[in-house]
Amino acid sequence: MLFKILSMDHIDDWTRTVYLSVGLSLLLFLLMYWLAYQKALAGIFLQVIIFLVISFSLGFGTIFQCNCSLDSSQPQTFKAKVLKMDANNSGKGSSYFLTLSPWGAKTQANRVDVNLNLYHQLNVGDSVQIHYWPGLLHIPWYSVSPIALTATPQPEAQ
């Protein structure tokens, strides 16, 4: 579920994200563990598990938010065609996917998840814009949007 929530902005380098998240999580874990250790030694295994889950969630979310929300750089813009559209409706919810033609450094078609609104705006063969940012923490990320149609100027009536 966490990845679905975060998927409206797509991370292009998960390795760096995970390394930074684990590092921050470890620091948060050690701080919480030290504070709890001062209180009691009973149930230490359960405390460790709970602290690890909380620490990783906080670490991952913080890295993701800092990288994307605080990135003030100008994005590169690429164009791709929608090759395929598919939806996955399960008991846990619905997911919507586009398979896009190669763009930027991508040499093969790639499948991205999108929100319902964008999914219903597009058809196979349509073009989309990919806005690609380097990321504040140097973890590239991108978002997909429809290409705005410009109205053709109509001749003025006499």
Protein backbone atom coordinates (compact mmCIF):
# COMPACT_ATOMS: atom_id res chain seq x y z
CA MET A 1 0.00 0.00 0.00
CA LEU A 2 2.88 2.38 0.79
CA PHE A 3 4.24 2.07 -2.74
CA LYS A 4 0.81 2.70 -4.25
CA ILE A 5 0.44 5.89 -2.21
CA LEU A 6 3.86 7.12 -3.27
CA SER A 7 3.52 6.06 -6.89
CA MET A 8 2.06 9.25 -8.30
CA ASP A 9 5.64 10.51 -8.38
CA HIS A 10 7.84 7.72 -9.65
CA ILE A 11 11.28 7.06 -8.20
CA ASP A 12 13.78 6.13 -10.91
CA ASP A 13 16.59 4.92 -8.60
CA TRP A 14 15.28 2.71 -5.78
CA THR A 15 18.76 1.59 -4.70
CA ARG A 16 19.80 5.02 -3.42
CA THR A 17 16.36 5.53 -1.82
CA VAL A 18 16.64 2.28 0.12
CA TYR A 19 20.23 2.98 1.26
CA LEU A 20 19.33 6.44 2.55
CA SER A 21 16.13 5.14 4.16
CA VAL A 22 17.94 2.31 5.93
CA GLY A 23 20.58 4.73 7.22
CA LEU A 24 18.03 7.18 8.59
CA SER A 25 15.94 4.30 9.92
CA LEU A 26 18.92 2.91 11.81
CA LEU A 27 19.53 6.28 13.46
CA LEU A 28 15.86 6.59 14.44
CA PHE A 29 15.84 2.99 15.67
CA LEU A 30 18.89 3.51 17.85
CA LEU A 31 17.41 6.67 19.36
CA MET A 32 14.06 5.02 20.13
CA TYR A 33 15.75 1.87 21.40
CA TRP A 34 17.98 3.85 23.73
CA LEU A 35 14.97 5.77 25.09
CA ALA A 36 12.97 2.57 25.61
CA TYR A 37 15.93 0.69 27.08
CA GLN A 38 16.08 3.26 29.80
CA LYS A 39 12.49 2.38 30.79
CA ALA A 40 12.45 -1.42 30.93
CA LEU A 41 14.07 -4.58 29.62
CA ALA A 42 10.83 -6.60 29.55
CA GLY A 43 9.46 -7.50 26.13
CA ILE A 44 12.59 -6.33 24.37
CA PHE A 45 12.08 -8.51 21.27
CA LEU A 46 8.63 -7.03 20.60
CA GLN A 47 9.99 -3.53 21.18
CA VAL A 48 12.78 -4.13 18.65
CA ILE A 49 10.30 -5.31 15.99
CA ILE A 50 7.97 -2.37 16.57
CA PHE A 51 10.84 0.11 16.53
CA LEU A 52 12.23 -1.35 13.30
CA VAL A 53 8.86 -1.03 11.54
CA ILE A 54 8.33 2.52 12.78
CA SER A 55 11.91 3.53 12.02
CA PHE A 56 11.86 2.23 8.46
CA SER A 57 8.49 3.86 7.75
CA LEU A 58 9.67 7.20 9.06
CA GLY A 59 13.02 6.92 7.31
CA PHE A 60 11.56 5.96 3.94
CA GLY A 61 8.86 8.63 4.07
CA THR A 62 11.34 11.32 5.10
CA ILE A 63 13.78 10.44 2.31
CA PHE A 64 10.98 10.31 -0.27
CA GLN A 65 9.47 13.64 0.82
CA CYS A 66 12.80 15.46 1.04
CA ASN A 67 13.92 14.17 -2.35
CA CYS A 68 10.73 15.10 -4.22
CA SER A 69 9.08 17.94 -2.31
CA LEU A 70 12.25 19.97 -1.77
CA ASP A 71 13.62 19.46 -5.30
CA SER A 72 13.49 22.95 -6.83
CA SER A 73 15.34 22.05 -10.02
CA GLN A 74 13.77 22.38 -13.45
CA PRO A 75 12.57 19.06 -14.87
CA GLN A 76 13.58 17.64 -18.21
CA THR A 77 10.53 16.95 -20.34
CA PHE A 78 10.16 13.87 -22.51
CA LYS A 79 7.37 12.63 -24.72
CA ALA A 80 6.19 9.02 -24.90
CA LYS A 81 3.34 7.15 -26.54
CA VAL A 82 0.86 4.98 -24.68
CA LEU A 83 1.39 1.47 -26.05
CA LYS A 84 -0.95 -0.41 -23.74
CA MET A 85 -3.40 0.31 -20.92
CA ASP A 86 -4.51 -2.13 -18.28
CA ALA A 87 -6.24 -2.11 -14.92
CA ASN A 88 -5.96 -4.49 -12.01
CA ASN A 89 -9.11 -4.71 -9.89
CA SER A 90 -8.57 -6.78 -6.79
CA GLY A 91 -10.18 -7.00 -3.38
CA LYS A 92 -7.59 -4.53 -2.07
CA GLY A 93 -8.43 -1.84 -4.61
CA SER A 94 -7.79 -0.88 -8.19
CA SER A 95 -4.53 -0.08 -9.92
CA TYR A 96 -4.16 1.49 -13.34
CA PHE A 97 -1.14 1.03 -15.60
CA LEU A 98 0.21 2.49 -18.82
CA THR A 99 2.90 0.87 -20.92
CA LEU A 100 4.91 3.71 -22.44
CA SER A 101 7.27 3.79 -25.40
CA PRO A 102 10.97 4.38 -24.62
CA TRP A 103 11.75 7.91 -23.41
CA GLY A 104 14.83 9.70 -22.08
CA ALA A 105 17.40 7.13 -20.96
CA LYS A 106 14.82 4.32 -21.09
CA THR A 107 15.64 2.05 -24.01
CA GLN A 108 12.65 -0.26 -23.61
CA ALA A 109 8.94 0.22 -23.11
CA ASN A 110 8.14 0.56 -19.43
CA ARG A 111 5.00 0.09 -17.37
CA VAL A 112 4.00 2.84 -14.94
CA ASP A 113 1.10 3.11 -12.54
CA VAL A 114 -1.15 6.15 -12.82
CA ASN A 115 -4.23 7.48 -11.06
CA LEU A 116 -7.76 6.81 -12.27
CA ASN A 117 -8.25 10.34 -13.58
CA LEU A 118 -5.20 10.20 -15.87
CA TYR A 119 -6.06 6.65 -16.96
CA HIS A 120 -9.50 7.76 -18.18
CA GLN A 121 -8.09 10.79 -20.04
CA LEU A 122 -5.91 8.64 -22.30
CA ASN A 123 -6.23 6.06 -25.05
CA VAL A 124 -3.72 3.72 -26.65
CA GLY A 125 -1.69 5.75 -29.15
CA ASP A 126 -1.97 9.03 -27.22
CA SER A 127 1.17 10.88 -26.21
CA VAL A 128 2.05 11.80 -22.63
CA GLN A 129 4.65 14.08 -21.10
CA ILE A 130 7.17 12.78 -18.62
CA HIS A 131 8.64 15.40 -16.29
CA TYR A 132 11.97 14.08 -15.00
CA TRP A 133 13.73 15.67 -12.01
CA PRO A 134 17.23 14.85 -10.67
CA GLY A 135 15.96 14.89 -7.05
CA LEU A 136 17.32 16.86 -4.11
CA LEU A 137 19.12 13.74 -2.80
CA HIS A 138 20.15 12.73 -6.34
CA ILE A 139 17.42 10.10 -6.56
CA PRO A 140 15.80 10.76 -9.97
CA TRP A 141 12.00 10.83 -10.04
CA TYR A 142 9.33 11.58 -12.61
CA SER A 143 5.65 12.20 -13.10
CA VAL A 144 3.43 11.45 -16.07
CA SER A 145 0.83 13.88 -17.40
CA PRO A 146 -1.29 14.22 -20.51
CA ILE A 147 -0.06 16.54 -23.22
CA ALA A 148 -2.17 19.67 -23.17
CA LEU A 149 -3.99 20.10 -26.42
CA THR A 150 -3.76 23.57 -27.86
CA ALA A 151 -6.85 24.81 -29.56
CA THR A 152 -6.52 25.55 -33.25
CA PRO A 153 -7.20 29.24 -33.83
CA GLN A 154 -10.49 29.76 -35.65
CA PRO A 155 -10.73 32.43 -38.34
CA GLU A 156 -12.66 35.45 -37.19
CA ALA A 157 -16.15 35.84 -38.61
CA GLN A 158 -16.67 38.89 -40.82
